[in-house]
Amino acid sequence: MSEDLALAQELADIADGWSMGSFRSRTLEVVAKADLTPVTAADRAIERTIAEHLAAHRPDHAMMGEEFGLQGDAGAPWRWVIDPIDGTRSFVRGNETWATLIALQHEGETVVAVASMPALGQRYHASRGAGAAMNGAPIHVSEVSVLSDALITHTSIPGFVHTNLAERLLKLAGQCWDARGMGNSMSHLAVARGSADIGWTSRANVWDFAALALIVREAGGMFTDRSADDARLGGTGISSNGLLHDLALHAAGLVD
């Protein structure tokens, strides 16, 4: 294991300690951010603690987090991208489909990724050129090549309604074998491990996709990240096993 991946795993351990200590707590503090999405004390504690750990172990690296934005030198070639709790709505309702997402980027390209889902006992990781794994065992995308045999996983229906993508999702899902709403992380991680064939997030930001995209790609799949479409709101993201990617992009209206 490389030193960078080992550090990313340390950061995930730190995050798991905070998140599982607050998960299903009756005293969990939840407030609404300016964009009306929820944030908890655990989200903020995780991001602060990771920032402190990186400042001690990688002082020349920058960090971009969902809650506190960019910390460190904006021009640093190395940058950590952190989503302390991806799926906060699931977290606050006591559902297990949330994750901490950790990515290390060099010159804007992700080279190490960890996605930790401690409530499900799942830890995914990937390094560029070295493949992807779940709980230490290699994972690979499926070999499904026709939509009628495909399982599509997606984020919340209201998200697709608000982004005017609901009709496109329904059209694509209607051609598939089945469809399931699993949230951002699980939708794409299911593609990476071959238990789904297409994953679609209606809208998200860089911290939502940076780790997941590398895990999917290193598992043999493809990931189209449009999070840069809007600097504040982000954009859509689609993963697939590769064999179905063009079909998914056409259905999403991302290509002609």
C-alpha atoms as a PDB file:
ATOM      1  CA  MET A   1       0.000   0.000   0.000  1.00  0.00           C
ATOM      2  CA  SER A   2       1.347   3.422  -0.946  1.00  0.00           C
ATOM      3  CA  GLU A   3       1.908   6.057   1.726  1.00  0.00           C
ATOM      4  CA  ASP A   4      -0.825   8.215   0.216  1.00  0.00           C
ATOM      5  CA  LEU A   5      -3.376   5.392   0.238  1.00  0.00           C
ATOM      6  CA  ALA A   6      -2.378   4.510   3.792  1.00  0.00           C
ATOM      7  CA  LEU A   7      -2.979   8.122   4.810  1.00  0.00           C
ATOM      8  CA  ALA A   8      -6.353   8.145   3.043  1.00  0.00           C
ATOM      9  CA  GLN A   9      -7.289   5.015   4.994  1.00  0.00           C
ATOM     10  CA  GLU A  10      -6.246   6.756   8.219  1.00  0.00           C
ATOM     11  CA  LEU A  11      -8.501   9.676   7.336  1.00  0.00           C
ATOM     12  CA  ALA A  12     -11.384   7.259   6.720  1.00  0.00           C
ATOM     13  CA  ASP A  13     -10.783   5.650  10.130  1.00  0.00           C
ATOM     14  CA  ILE A  14     -10.947   9.101  11.726  1.00  0.00           C
ATOM     15  CA  ALA A  15     -14.166   9.875   9.879  1.00  0.00           C
ATOM     16  CA  ASP A  16     -15.737   6.537  10.815  1.00  0.00           C
ATOM     17  CA  GLY A  17     -15.106   7.222  14.478  1.00  0.00           C
ATOM     18  CA  TRP A  18     -16.970  10.529  14.333  1.00  0.00           C
ATOM     19  CA  SER A  19     -19.790   9.381  12.073  1.00  0.00           C
ATOM     20  CA  MET A  20     -20.605   6.123  13.855  1.00  0.00           C
ATOM     21  CA  GLY A  21     -20.454   7.934  17.191  1.00  0.00           C
ATOM     22  CA  SER A  22     -23.282  10.179  15.991  1.00  0.00           C
ATOM     23  CA  PHE A  23     -25.256   7.831  13.747  1.00  0.00           C
ATOM     24  CA  ARG A  24     -28.803   7.282  15.061  1.00  0.00           C
ATOM     25  CA  SER A  25     -28.066   9.533  18.035  1.00  0.00           C
ATOM     26  CA  ARG A  26     -31.141  11.124  19.572  1.00  0.00           C
ATOM     27  CA  THR A  27     -29.144  14.278  20.255  1.00  0.00           C
ATOM     28  CA  LEU A  28     -27.780  14.685  16.707  1.00  0.00           C
ATOM     29  CA  GLU A  29     -27.699  18.364  15.774  1.00  0.00           C
ATOM     30  CA  VAL A  30     -29.040  19.064  12.276  1.00  0.00           C
ATOM     31  CA  VAL A  31     -29.273  22.507  10.666  1.00  0.00           C
ATOM     32  CA  ALA A  32     -30.089  23.752   7.167  1.00  0.00           C
ATOM     33  CA  LYS A  33     -27.347  25.327   5.058  1.00  0.00           C
ATOM     34  CA  ALA A  34     -27.924  28.320   2.785  1.00  0.00           C
ATOM     35  CA  ASP A  35     -28.920  25.977  -0.059  1.00  0.00           C
ATOM     36  CA  LEU A  36     -31.435  24.301   2.323  1.00  0.00           C
ATOM     37  CA  THR A  37     -29.542  20.997   2.359  1.00  0.00           C
ATOM     38  CA  PRO A  38     -28.986  19.535   5.835  1.00  0.00           C
ATOM     39  CA  VAL A  39     -25.680  19.472   7.678  1.00  0.00           C
ATOM     40  CA  THR A  40     -24.875  17.861  11.016  1.00  0.00           C
ATOM     41  CA  ALA A  41     -22.312  18.477  13.716  1.00  0.00           C
ATOM     42  CA  ALA A  42     -20.712  15.212  12.592  1.00  0.00           C
ATOM     43  CA  ASP A  43     -20.185  16.550   9.036  1.00  0.00           C
ATOM     44  CA  ARG A  44     -18.329  19.553  10.384  1.00  0.00           C
ATOM     45  CA  ALA A  45     -16.366  17.652  13.020  1.00  0.00           C
ATOM     46  CA  ILE A  46     -15.151  15.132  10.442  1.00  0.00           C
ATOM     47  CA  GLU A  47     -14.002  17.814   8.036  1.00  0.00           C
ATOM     48  CA  ARG A  48     -12.240  19.837  10.766  1.00  0.00           C
ATOM     49  CA  THR A  49     -10.467  16.771  12.175  1.00  0.00           C
ATOM     50  CA  ILE A  50      -9.335  15.606   8.728  1.00  0.00           C
ATOM     51  CA  ALA A  51      -8.021  19.104   8.000  1.00  0.00           C
ATOM     52  CA  GLU A  52      -6.022  19.053  11.238  1.00  0.00           C
ATOM     53  CA  HIS A  53      -4.591  15.610  10.440  1.00  0.00           C
ATOM     54  CA  LEU A  54      -3.566  16.686   6.943  1.00  0.00           C
ATOM     55  CA  ALA A  55      -2.009  19.901   8.246  1.00  0.00           C
ATOM     56  CA  ALA A  56       0.187  17.757  10.479  1.00  0.00           C
ATOM     57  CA  HIS A  57       1.077  15.075   7.910  1.00  0.00           C
ATOM     58  CA  ARG A  58       0.871  16.884   4.531  1.00  0.00           C
ATOM     59  CA  PRO A  59       1.352  20.573   5.333  1.00  0.00           C
ATOM     60  CA  ASP A  60       2.140  21.433   1.699  1.00  0.00           C
ATOM     61  CA  HIS A  61      -1.133  19.924   0.431  1.00  0.00           C
ATOM     62  CA  ALA A  62      -4.369  21.874  -0.023  1.00  0.00           C
ATOM     63  CA  MET A  63      -7.784  20.525   0.962  1.00  0.00           C
ATOM     64  CA  MET A  64     -11.228  21.087  -0.517  1.00  0.00           C
ATOM     65  CA  GLY A  65     -14.172  20.062   1.645  1.00  0.00           C
ATOM     66  CA  GLU A  66     -17.913  20.348   1.263  1.00  0.00           C
ATOM     67  CA  GLU A  67     -18.464  22.239   4.495  1.00  0.00           C
ATOM     68  CA  PHE A  68     -15.555  24.690   4.712  1.00  0.00           C
ATOM     69  CA  GLY A  69     -14.329  24.979   1.129  1.00  0.00           C
ATOM     70  CA  LEU A  70     -10.683  25.342   0.171  1.00  0.00           C
ATOM     71  CA  GLN A  71      -8.024  25.298   2.865  1.00  0.00           C
ATOM     72  CA  GLY A  72      -4.344  25.851   2.143  1.00  0.00           C
ATOM     73  CA  ASP A  73      -2.590  27.077  -0.989  1.00  0.00           C
ATOM     74  CA  ALA A  74      -5.030  27.274  -3.922  1.00  0.00           C
ATOM     75  CA  GLY A  75      -2.083  26.758  -6.271  1.00  0.00           C
ATOM     76  CA  ALA A  76      -0.753  23.625  -4.547  1.00  0.00           C
ATOM     77  CA  PRO A  77      -0.260  20.741  -7.005  1.00  0.00           C
ATOM     78  CA  TRP A  78      -1.603  18.268  -4.427  1.00  0.00           C
ATOM     79  CA  ARG A  79      -5.155  18.619  -3.134  1.00  0.00           C
ATOM     80  CA  TRP A  80      -7.353  16.434  -0.951  1.00  0.00           C
ATOM     81  CA  VAL A  81     -11.073  16.479  -1.763  1.00  0.00           C
ATOM     82  CA  ILE A  82     -13.353  15.506   1.122  1.00  0.00           C
ATOM     83  CA  ASP A  83     -17.059  14.872   1.523  1.00  0.00           C
ATOM     84  CA  PRO A  84     -17.399  14.154   5.249  1.00  0.00           C
ATOM     85  CA  ILE A  85     -20.859  12.579   4.950  1.00  0.00           C
ATOM     86  CA  ASP A  86     -22.191  12.022   1.458  1.00  0.00           C
ATOM     87  CA  GLY A  87     -25.878  11.287   1.950  1.00  0.00           C
ATOM     88  CA  THR A  88     -26.629  13.430   4.987  1.00  0.00           C
ATOM     89  CA  ARG A  89     -30.381  12.949   4.532  1.00  0.00           C
ATOM     90  CA  SER A  90     -29.899   9.185   4.848  1.00  0.00           C
ATOM     91  CA  PHE A  91     -27.602   9.741   7.823  1.00  0.00           C
ATOM     92  CA  VAL A  92     -30.087  11.865   9.768  1.00  0.00           C
ATOM     93  CA  ARG A  93     -32.952   9.430   9.102  1.00  0.00           C
ATOM     94  CA  GLY A  94     -30.937   6.443  10.304  1.00  0.00           C
ATOM     95  CA  ASN A  95     -30.500   4.800   6.900  1.00  0.00           C
ATOM     96  CA  GLU A  96     -27.136   3.191   6.156  1.00  0.00           C
ATOM     97  CA  THR A  97     -26.527   4.381   2.583  1.00  0.00           C
ATOM     98  CA  TRP A  98     -24.137   7.248   3.367  1.00  0.00           C
ATOM     99  CA  ALA A  99     -20.378   7.449   2.997  1.00  0.00           C
ATOM    100  CA  THR A 100     -17.273   9.459   3.675  1.00  0.00           C
ATOM    101  CA  LEU A 101     -15.510  10.216   0.396  1.00  0.00           C
ATOM    102  CA  ILE A 102     -11.775  10.962   0.296  1.00  0.00           C
ATOM    103  CA  ALA A 103      -9.750  11.711  -2.836  1.00  0.00           C
ATOM    104  CA  LEU A 104      -6.181  12.859  -3.382  1.00  0.00           C
ATOM    105  CA  GLN A 105      -5.640  14.826  -6.578  1.00  0.00           C
ATOM    106  CA  HIS A 106      -2.429  15.810  -8.326  1.00  0.00           C
ATOM    107  CA  GLU A 107      -2.775  18.694 -10.758  1.00  0.00           C
ATOM    108  CA  GLY A 108      -6.531  18.158 -10.724  1.00  0.00           C
ATOM    109  CA  GLU A 109      -6.475  14.409 -11.431  1.00  0.00           C
ATOM    110  CA  THR A 110      -7.505  11.926  -8.735  1.00  0.00           C
ATOM    111  CA  VAL A 111      -4.766   9.413  -7.950  1.00  0.00           C
ATOM    112  CA  VAL A 112      -6.017   7.866  -4.694  1.00  0.00           C
ATOM    113  CA  ALA A 113      -9.588   7.342  -3.510  1.00  0.00           C
ATOM    114  CA  VAL A 114     -11.331   5.890  -0.474  1.00  0.00           C
ATOM    115  CA  ALA A 115     -15.088   5.577   0.074  1.00  0.00           C
ATOM    116  CA  SER A 116     -16.023   4.395   3.549  1.00  0.00           C
ATOM    117  CA  MET A 117     -19.522   3.145   4.410  1.00  0.00           C
ATOM    118  CA  PRO A 118     -19.094   2.094   8.051  1.00  0.00           C
ATOM    119  CA  ALA A 119     -22.804   1.538   8.749  1.00  0.00           C
ATOM    120  CA  LEU A 120     -22.708  -1.184   6.074  1.00  0.00           C
ATOM    121  CA  GLY A 121     -19.230  -2.435   6.945  1.00  0.00           C
ATOM    122  CA  GLN A 122     -17.881  -1.525   3.496  1.00  0.00           C
ATOM    123  CA  ARG A 123     -14.627   0.261   2.645  1.00  0.00           C
ATOM    124  CA  TYR A 124     -13.704   0.849  -1.007  1.00  0.00           C
ATOM    125  CA  HIS A 125     -10.370   2.099  -2.297  1.00  0.00           C
ATOM    126  CA  ALA A 126      -8.527   2.663  -5.543  1.00  0.00           C
ATOM    127  CA  SER A 127      -5.183   3.959  -6.759  1.00  0.00           C
ATOM    128  CA  ARG A 128      -4.548   5.042 -10.305  1.00  0.00           C
ATOM    129  CA  GLY A 129      -3.323   2.100 -12.348  1.00  0.00           C
ATOM    130  CA  ALA A 130      -3.655  -0.351  -9.457  1.00  0.00           C
ATOM    131  CA  GLY A 131      -7.327  -1.363  -9.594  1.00  0.00           C
ATOM    132  CA  ALA A 132     -10.121  -1.045  -7.062  1.00  0.00           C
ATOM    133  CA  ALA A 133     -11.164  -3.097  -4.053  1.00  0.00           C
ATOM    134  CA  MET A 134     -13.868  -3.455  -1.419  1.00  0.00           C
ATOM    135  CA  ASN A 135     -12.719  -4.559   2.039  1.00  0.00           C
ATOM    136  CA  GLY A 136      -9.423  -5.545   0.462  1.00  0.00           C
ATOM    137  CA  ALA A 137     -10.878  -7.803  -2.246  1.00  0.00           C
ATOM    138  CA  PRO A 138     -10.624  -6.711  -5.917  1.00  0.00           C
ATOM    139  CA  ILE A 139     -13.843  -5.557  -7.566  1.00  0.00           C
ATOM    140  CA  HIS A 140     -14.839  -5.259 -11.216  1.00  0.00           C
ATOM    141  CA  VAL A 141     -17.766  -3.910 -13.175  1.00  0.00           C
ATOM    142  CA  SER A 142     -20.373  -6.161 -14.794  1.00  0.00           C
ATOM    143  CA  GLU A 143     -20.425  -7.466 -18.347  1.00  0.00           C
ATOM    144  CA  VAL A 144     -24.066  -6.597 -19.078  1.00  0.00           C
ATOM    145  CA  SER A 145     -24.218  -5.201 -22.600  1.00  0.00           C
ATOM    146  CA  VAL A 146     -27.934  -4.580 -23.311  1.00  0.00           C
ATOM    147  CA  LEU A 147     -30.287  -2.214 -21.513  1.00  0.00           C
ATOM    148  CA  SER A 148     -33.009  -4.819 -21.118  1.00  0.00           C
ATOM    149  CA  ASP A 149     -30.667  -6.749 -18.801  1.00  0.00           C
ATOM    150  CA  ALA A 150     -29.324  -3.695 -16.967  1.00  0.00           C
ATOM    151  CA  LEU A 151     -29.919  -2.441 -13.428  1.00  0.00           C
ATOM    152  CA  ILE A 152     -29.752   1.344 -13.078  1.00  0.00           C
ATOM    153  CA  THR A 153     -29.182   2.966  -9.694  1.00  0.00           C
ATOM    154  CA  HIS A 154     -29.878   6.643  -9.078  1.00  0.00           C
ATOM    155  CA  THR A 155     -30.173   9.463  -6.586  1.00  0.00           C
ATOM    156  CA  SER A 156     -33.414  10.961  -5.289  1.00  0.00           C
ATOM    157  CA  ILE A 157     -36.365  11.492  -7.630  1.00  0.00           C
ATOM    158  CA  PRO A 158     -36.893  15.084  -6.361  1.00  0.00           C
ATOM    159  CA  GLY A 159     -33.335  15.840  -7.453  1.00  0.00           C
ATOM    160  CA  PHE A 160     -34.145  14.737 -10.988  1.00  0.00           C
ATOM    161  CA  VAL A 161     -37.361  16.785 -10.917  1.00  0.00           C
ATOM    162  CA  HIS A 162     -35.541  19.926  -9.784  1.00  0.00           C
ATOM    163  CA  THR A 163     -32.912  19.555 -12.516  1.00  0.00           C
ATOM    164  CA  ASN A 164     -35.482  18.791 -15.239  1.00  0.00           C
ATOM    165  CA  LEU A 165     -34.033  15.327 -15.741  1.00  0.00           C
ATOM    166  CA  ALA A 166     -36.956  13.292 -14.400  1.00  0.00           C
ATOM    167  CA  GLU A 167     -38.404  12.440 -17.819  1.00  0.00           C
ATOM    168  CA  ARG A 168     -34.987  11.354 -19.067  1.00  0.00           C
ATOM    169  CA  LEU A 169     -34.452   9.147 -16.022  1.00  0.00           C
ATOM    170  CA  LEU A 170     -37.859   7.539 -16.444  1.00  0.00           C
ATOM    171  CA  LYS A 171     -37.252   6.920 -20.130  1.00  0.00           C
ATOM    172  CA  LEU A 172     -33.902   5.247 -19.492  1.00  0.00           C
ATOM    173  CA  ALA A 173     -35.126   3.298 -16.468  1.00  0.00           C
ATOM    174  CA  GLY A 174     -38.112   2.090 -18.446  1.00  0.00           C
ATOM    175  CA  GLN A 175     -35.758   0.399 -20.902  1.00  0.00           C
ATOM    176  CA  CYS A 176     -33.777  -1.321 -18.150  1.00  0.00           C
ATOM    177  CA  TRP A 177     -34.342  -4.611 -16.368  1.00  0.00           C
ATOM    178  CA  ASP A 178     -34.819  -2.721 -13.088  1.00  0.00           C
ATOM    179  CA  ALA A 179     -34.089   0.574 -11.319  1.00  0.00           C
ATOM    180  CA  ARG A 180     -33.263   1.402  -7.712  1.00  0.00           C
ATOM    181  CA  GLY A 181     -32.764   4.649  -5.786  1.00  0.00           C
ATOM    182  CA  MET A 182     -29.591   4.251  -3.725  1.00  0.00           C
ATOM    183  CA  GLY A 183     -28.144   7.734  -3.281  1.00  0.00           C
ATOM    184  CA  ASN A 184     -24.946   9.121  -4.772  1.00  0.00           C
ATOM    185  CA  SER A 185     -22.243   6.923  -3.250  1.00  0.00           C
ATOM    186  CA  MET A 186     -23.993   3.578  -3.345  1.00  0.00           C
ATOM    187  CA  SER A 187     -25.272   4.149  -6.895  1.00  0.00           C
ATOM    188  CA  HIS A 188     -21.756   4.424  -8.284  1.00  0.00           C
ATOM    189  CA  LEU A 189     -20.081   1.954  -5.919  1.00  0.00           C
ATOM    190  CA  ALA A 190     -22.666  -0.642  -6.957  1.00  0.00           C
ATOM    191  CA  VAL A 191     -21.531  -0.101 -10.539  1.00  0.00           C
ATOM    192  CA  ALA A 192     -17.892  -0.502  -9.496  1.00  0.00           C
ATOM    193  CA  ARG A 193     -18.518  -3.848  -7.816  1.00  0.00           C
ATOM    194  CA  GLY A 194     -20.750  -5.136 -10.613  1.00  0.00           C
ATOM    195  CA  SER A 195     -24.063  -5.254  -8.733  1.00  0.00           C
ATOM    196  CA  ALA A 196     -25.460  -2.446 -10.925  1.00  0.00           C
ATOM    197  CA  ASP A 197     -24.687  -1.480 -14.501  1.00  0.00           C
ATOM    198  CA  ILE A 198     -25.481   2.261 -14.689  1.00  0.00           C
ATOM    199  CA  GLY A 199     -25.383   4.844 -11.899  1.00  0.00           C
ATOM    200  CA  TRP A 200     -26.853   8.340 -12.265  1.00  0.00           C
ATOM    201  CA  THR A 201     -26.627  11.318  -9.936  1.00  0.00           C
ATOM    202  CA  SER A 202     -28.881  14.243 -10.832  1.00  0.00           C
ATOM    203  CA  ARG A 203     -26.579  16.983  -9.537  1.00  0.00           C
ATOM    204  CA  ALA A 204     -23.468  17.044  -7.353  1.00  0.00           C
ATOM    205  CA  ASN A 205     -20.133  18.779  -6.805  1.00  0.00           C
ATOM    206  CA  VAL A 206     -16.475  17.836  -7.077  1.00  0.00           C
ATOM    207  CA  TRP A 207     -16.363  16.320  -3.585  1.00  0.00           C
ATOM    208  CA  ASP A 208     -19.248  14.012  -4.489  1.00  0.00           C
ATOM    209  CA  PHE A 209     -17.541  12.547  -7.568  1.00  0.00           C
ATOM    210  CA  ALA A 210     -13.752  12.792  -7.143  1.00  0.00           C
ATOM    211  CA  ALA A 211     -13.309   9.543  -5.184  1.00  0.00           C
ATOM    212  CA  LEU A 212     -16.182   7.639  -6.781  1.00  0.00           C
ATOM    213  CA  ALA A 213     -15.023   8.317 -10.333  1.00  0.00           C
ATOM    214  CA  LEU A 214     -11.589   6.803  -9.730  1.00  0.00           C
ATOM    215  CA  ILE A 215     -13.046   3.745  -7.995  1.00  0.00           C
ATOM    216  CA  VAL A 216     -15.406   3.107 -10.911  1.00  0.00           C
ATOM    217  CA  ARG A 217     -12.698   3.616 -13.530  1.00  0.00           C
ATOM    218  CA  GLU A 218     -10.175   1.423 -11.725  1.00  0.00           C
ATOM    219  CA  ALA A 219     -12.841  -1.280 -11.509  1.00  0.00           C
ATOM    220  CA  GLY A 220     -13.039  -1.239 -15.310  1.00  0.00           C
ATOM    221  CA  GLY A 221     -15.963   1.146 -15.766  1.00  0.00           C
ATOM    222  CA  MET A 222     -16.501   4.671 -17.055  1.00  0.00           C
ATOM    223  CA  PHE A 223     -17.558   7.839 -15.241  1.00  0.00           C
ATOM    224  CA  THR A 224     -18.735  11.096 -16.800  1.00  0.00           C
ATOM    225  CA  ASP A 225     -18.304  13.919 -14.268  1.00  0.00           C
ATOM    226  CA  ARG A 226     -20.162  17.139 -15.096  1.00  0.00           C
ATOM    227  CA  SER A 227     -19.829  18.653 -11.625  1.00  0.00           C
ATOM    228  CA  ALA A 228     -17.970  21.650 -13.075  1.00  0.00           C
ATOM    229  CA  ASP A 229     -21.016  22.705 -15.107  1.00  0.00           C
ATOM    230  CA  ASP A 230     -22.053  25.097 -12.338  1.00  0.00           C
ATOM    231  CA  ALA A 231     -19.487  26.409  -9.856  1.00  0.00           C
ATOM    232  CA  ARG A 232     -22.084  26.594  -7.057  1.00  0.00           C
ATOM    233  CA  LEU A 233     -24.640  23.885  -7.830  1.00  0.00           C
ATOM    234  CA  GLY A 234     -22.466  21.345  -9.624  1.00  0.00           C
ATOM    235  CA  GLY A 235     -23.802  19.062 -12.313  1.00  0.00           C
ATOM    236  CA  THR A 236     -24.833  15.550 -13.208  1.00  0.00           C
ATOM    237  CA  GLY A 237     -22.688  12.414 -13.043  1.00  0.00           C
ATOM    238  CA  ILE A 238     -23.078   9.060 -14.764  1.00  0.00           C
ATOM    239  CA  SER A 239     -21.139   5.849 -14.204  1.00  0.00           C
ATOM    240  CA  SER A 240     -21.426   2.591 -16.083  1.00  0.00           C
ATOM    241  CA  ASN A 241     -19.705  -0.684 -16.796  1.00  0.00           C
ATOM    242  CA  GLY A 242     -18.438   0.937 -20.017  1.00  0.00           C
ATOM    243  CA  LEU A 243     -20.472  -1.264 -22.324  1.00  0.00           C
ATOM    244  CA  LEU A 244     -23.595   0.813 -21.670  1.00  0.00           C
ATOM    245  CA  HIS A 245     -21.988   4.213 -21.321  1.00  0.00           C
ATOM    246  CA  ASP A 246     -22.874   5.732 -24.696  1.00  0.00           C
ATOM    247  CA  LEU A 247     -26.482   4.636 -24.292  1.00  0.00           C
ATOM    248  CA  ALA A 248     -26.645   6.225 -20.852  1.00  0.00           C
ATOM    249  CA  LEU A 249     -25.094   9.493 -22.052  1.00  0.00           C
ATOM    250  CA  HIS A 250     -27.553   9.716 -24.942  1.00  0.00           C
ATOM    251  CA  ALA A 251     -30.459   9.083 -22.606  1.00  0.00           C
ATOM    252  CA  ALA A 252     -29.196  11.791 -20.254  1.00  0.00           C
ATOM    253  CA  GLY A 253     -28.897  14.286 -23.093  1.00  0.00           C
ATOM    254  CA  LEU A 254     -25.170  14.709 -22.567  1.00  0.00           C
ATOM    255  CA  VAL A 255     -24.356  13.769 -26.157  1.00  0.00           C
ATOM    256  CA  ASP A 256     -26.332  14.078 -29.377  1.00  0.00           C
END
